[in-house]
Amino acid sequence: MSINISRVKIFVTIPLESVEEVRTAVCEVGAGIIGDYTYCTSSTKSVGTFIPNDNANPYIGEKNSLEFVEEEKLEFVCDVDKVKTVISKLRKIHPYEEPAIDIIPLLNEKSFK
């Protein structure tokens, strides 16, 4: 089996009021393309928790206090050669000081016999 990673899936949690802005921003720079379709994303509502420390500048919440925030986990695919551009745009537009971003390599089904 020959494995060549050419695409990733990116997950990021976003406060509800910022989801559409982030979705549009990452898709405009090349994320979310599947075949002949663009702006391909999926989102799941979730509740995020965090405690900002004394050095934080929280968008939501108070320093040293546990916060529960209604969020959406946005997920989308991205070509490897566009990851840096997409993540840079995501960080620029995302309201959180430290957004939680996961980047997962994807296997192409053609890699399997």
Protein backbone atom coordinates (compact mmCIF):
# COMPACT_ATOMS: atom_id res chain seq x y z
CA MET A 1 0.00 0.00 0.00
CA SER A 2 1.35 3.40 -0.99
CA ILE A 3 0.22 6.28 1.17
CA ASN A 4 0.38 9.83 -0.08
CA ILE A 5 -1.27 12.49 2.06
CA SER A 6 -2.60 15.25 -0.18
CA ARG A 7 -5.59 16.39 1.88
CA VAL A 8 -6.42 17.03 5.51
CA LYS A 9 -9.57 17.59 7.51
CA ILE A 10 -9.54 20.65 9.75
CA PHE A 11 -11.76 20.98 12.81
CA VAL A 12 -12.20 24.22 14.75
CA THR A 13 -14.61 25.29 17.48
CA ILE A 14 -16.21 28.71 17.07
CA PRO A 15 -18.68 30.75 19.16
CA LEU A 16 -22.09 30.67 17.46
CA GLU A 17 -22.09 34.32 16.42
CA SER A 18 -18.86 33.91 14.39
CA VAL A 19 -19.47 30.62 12.53
CA GLU A 20 -20.60 32.08 9.19
CA GLU A 21 -17.77 34.61 9.11
CA VAL A 22 -15.15 31.90 9.73
CA ARG A 23 -16.79 29.47 7.26
CA THR A 24 -16.80 32.09 4.51
CA ALA A 25 -13.22 33.17 5.21
CA VAL A 26 -11.67 29.68 5.05
CA CYS A 27 -13.69 28.68 1.99
CA GLU A 28 -12.70 31.87 0.16
CA VAL A 29 -9.03 30.88 0.47
CA GLY A 30 -9.51 27.33 -0.82
CA ALA A 31 -10.86 25.10 1.95
CA GLY A 32 -14.01 23.03 1.57
CA ILE A 33 -13.57 21.82 -2.00
CA ILE A 34 -14.80 18.31 -2.77
CA GLY A 35 -14.80 17.44 -6.47
CA ASP A 36 -17.02 19.94 -8.30
CA TYR A 37 -18.41 21.40 -5.05
CA THR A 38 -17.15 24.33 -3.00
CA TYR A 39 -18.00 25.60 0.49
CA CYS A 40 -18.34 21.98 1.67
CA THR A 41 -18.39 22.09 5.46
CA SER A 42 -20.15 20.41 8.32
CA SER A 43 -20.86 21.74 11.77
CA THR A 44 -21.99 20.29 15.05
CA LYS A 45 -23.24 22.29 18.02
CA SER A 46 -21.20 21.74 21.16
CA VAL A 47 -20.36 23.28 24.52
CA GLY A 48 -16.77 24.35 25.06
CA THR A 49 -15.15 24.90 28.43
CA PHE A 50 -12.03 26.81 29.44
CA ILE A 51 -10.43 28.82 32.23
CA PRO A 52 -8.43 31.85 31.06
CA ASN A 53 -5.32 32.36 33.22
CA ASP A 54 -3.90 35.71 34.39
CA ASN A 55 -1.99 36.17 31.10
CA ALA A 56 -5.03 35.59 28.86
CA ASN A 57 -7.11 38.18 27.07
CA PRO A 58 -10.39 36.24 26.76
CA TYR A 59 -12.96 37.07 24.08
CA ILE A 60 -15.60 35.49 26.33
CA GLY A 61 -15.45 35.02 30.10
CA GLU A 62 -13.39 36.18 33.02
CA LYS A 63 -9.83 35.36 34.00
CA ASN A 64 -9.51 32.39 36.39
CA SER A 65 -13.18 31.47 36.02
CA LEU A 66 -14.57 28.35 34.33
CA GLU A 67 -16.62 29.25 31.25
CA PHE A 68 -19.17 27.17 29.36
CA VAL A 69 -19.75 28.48 25.82
CA GLU A 70 -22.19 27.34 23.13
CA GLU A 71 -20.06 26.72 20.08
CA GLU A 72 -20.10 24.96 16.73
CA LYS A 73 -17.38 22.59 15.66
CA LEU A 74 -16.77 23.43 12.01
CA GLU A 75 -15.05 20.82 9.86
CA PHE A 76 -13.84 20.96 6.28
CA VAL A 77 -11.30 19.37 3.96
CA CYS A 78 -8.29 21.18 2.60
CA ASP A 79 -5.49 20.37 0.17
CA VAL A 80 -2.12 20.10 1.94
CA ASP A 81 -0.64 22.91 -0.14
CA LYS A 82 -3.35 25.30 1.11
CA VAL A 83 -3.23 24.44 4.83
CA LYS A 84 -0.90 27.30 5.87
CA THR A 85 -3.02 29.86 3.99
CA VAL A 86 -6.29 28.49 5.40
CA ILE A 87 -4.99 28.33 9.00
CA SER A 88 -3.53 31.82 8.73
CA LYS A 89 -6.89 33.19 7.54
CA LEU A 90 -8.75 31.20 10.20
CA ARG A 91 -6.57 32.62 13.00
CA LYS A 92 -6.95 36.16 11.61
CA ILE A 93 -10.78 36.03 11.52
CA HIS A 94 -11.48 33.78 14.54
CA PRO A 95 -12.47 35.78 17.64
CA TYR A 96 -10.64 33.56 20.16
CA GLU A 97 -7.13 34.40 21.27
CA GLU A 98 -6.25 30.67 21.09
CA PRO A 99 -8.69 28.78 18.83
CA ALA A 100 -8.71 24.99 19.16
CA ILE A 101 -7.67 23.70 15.73
CA ASP A 102 -7.22 20.03 14.79
CA ILE A 103 -5.59 19.01 11.50
CA ILE A 104 -6.10 15.36 10.56
CA PRO A 105 -4.37 13.75 7.54
CA LEU A 106 -6.75 11.98 5.17
CA LEU A 107 -6.10 8.78 3.26
CA ASN A 108 -7.28 8.60 -0.32
CA GLU A 109 -9.45 5.55 -1.00
CA LYS A 110 -7.24 4.81 -4.03
CA SER A 111 -4.46 3.97 -1.55
CA PHE A 112 -6.31 0.77 -0.63
CA LYS A 113 -6.42 -2.41 -2.72
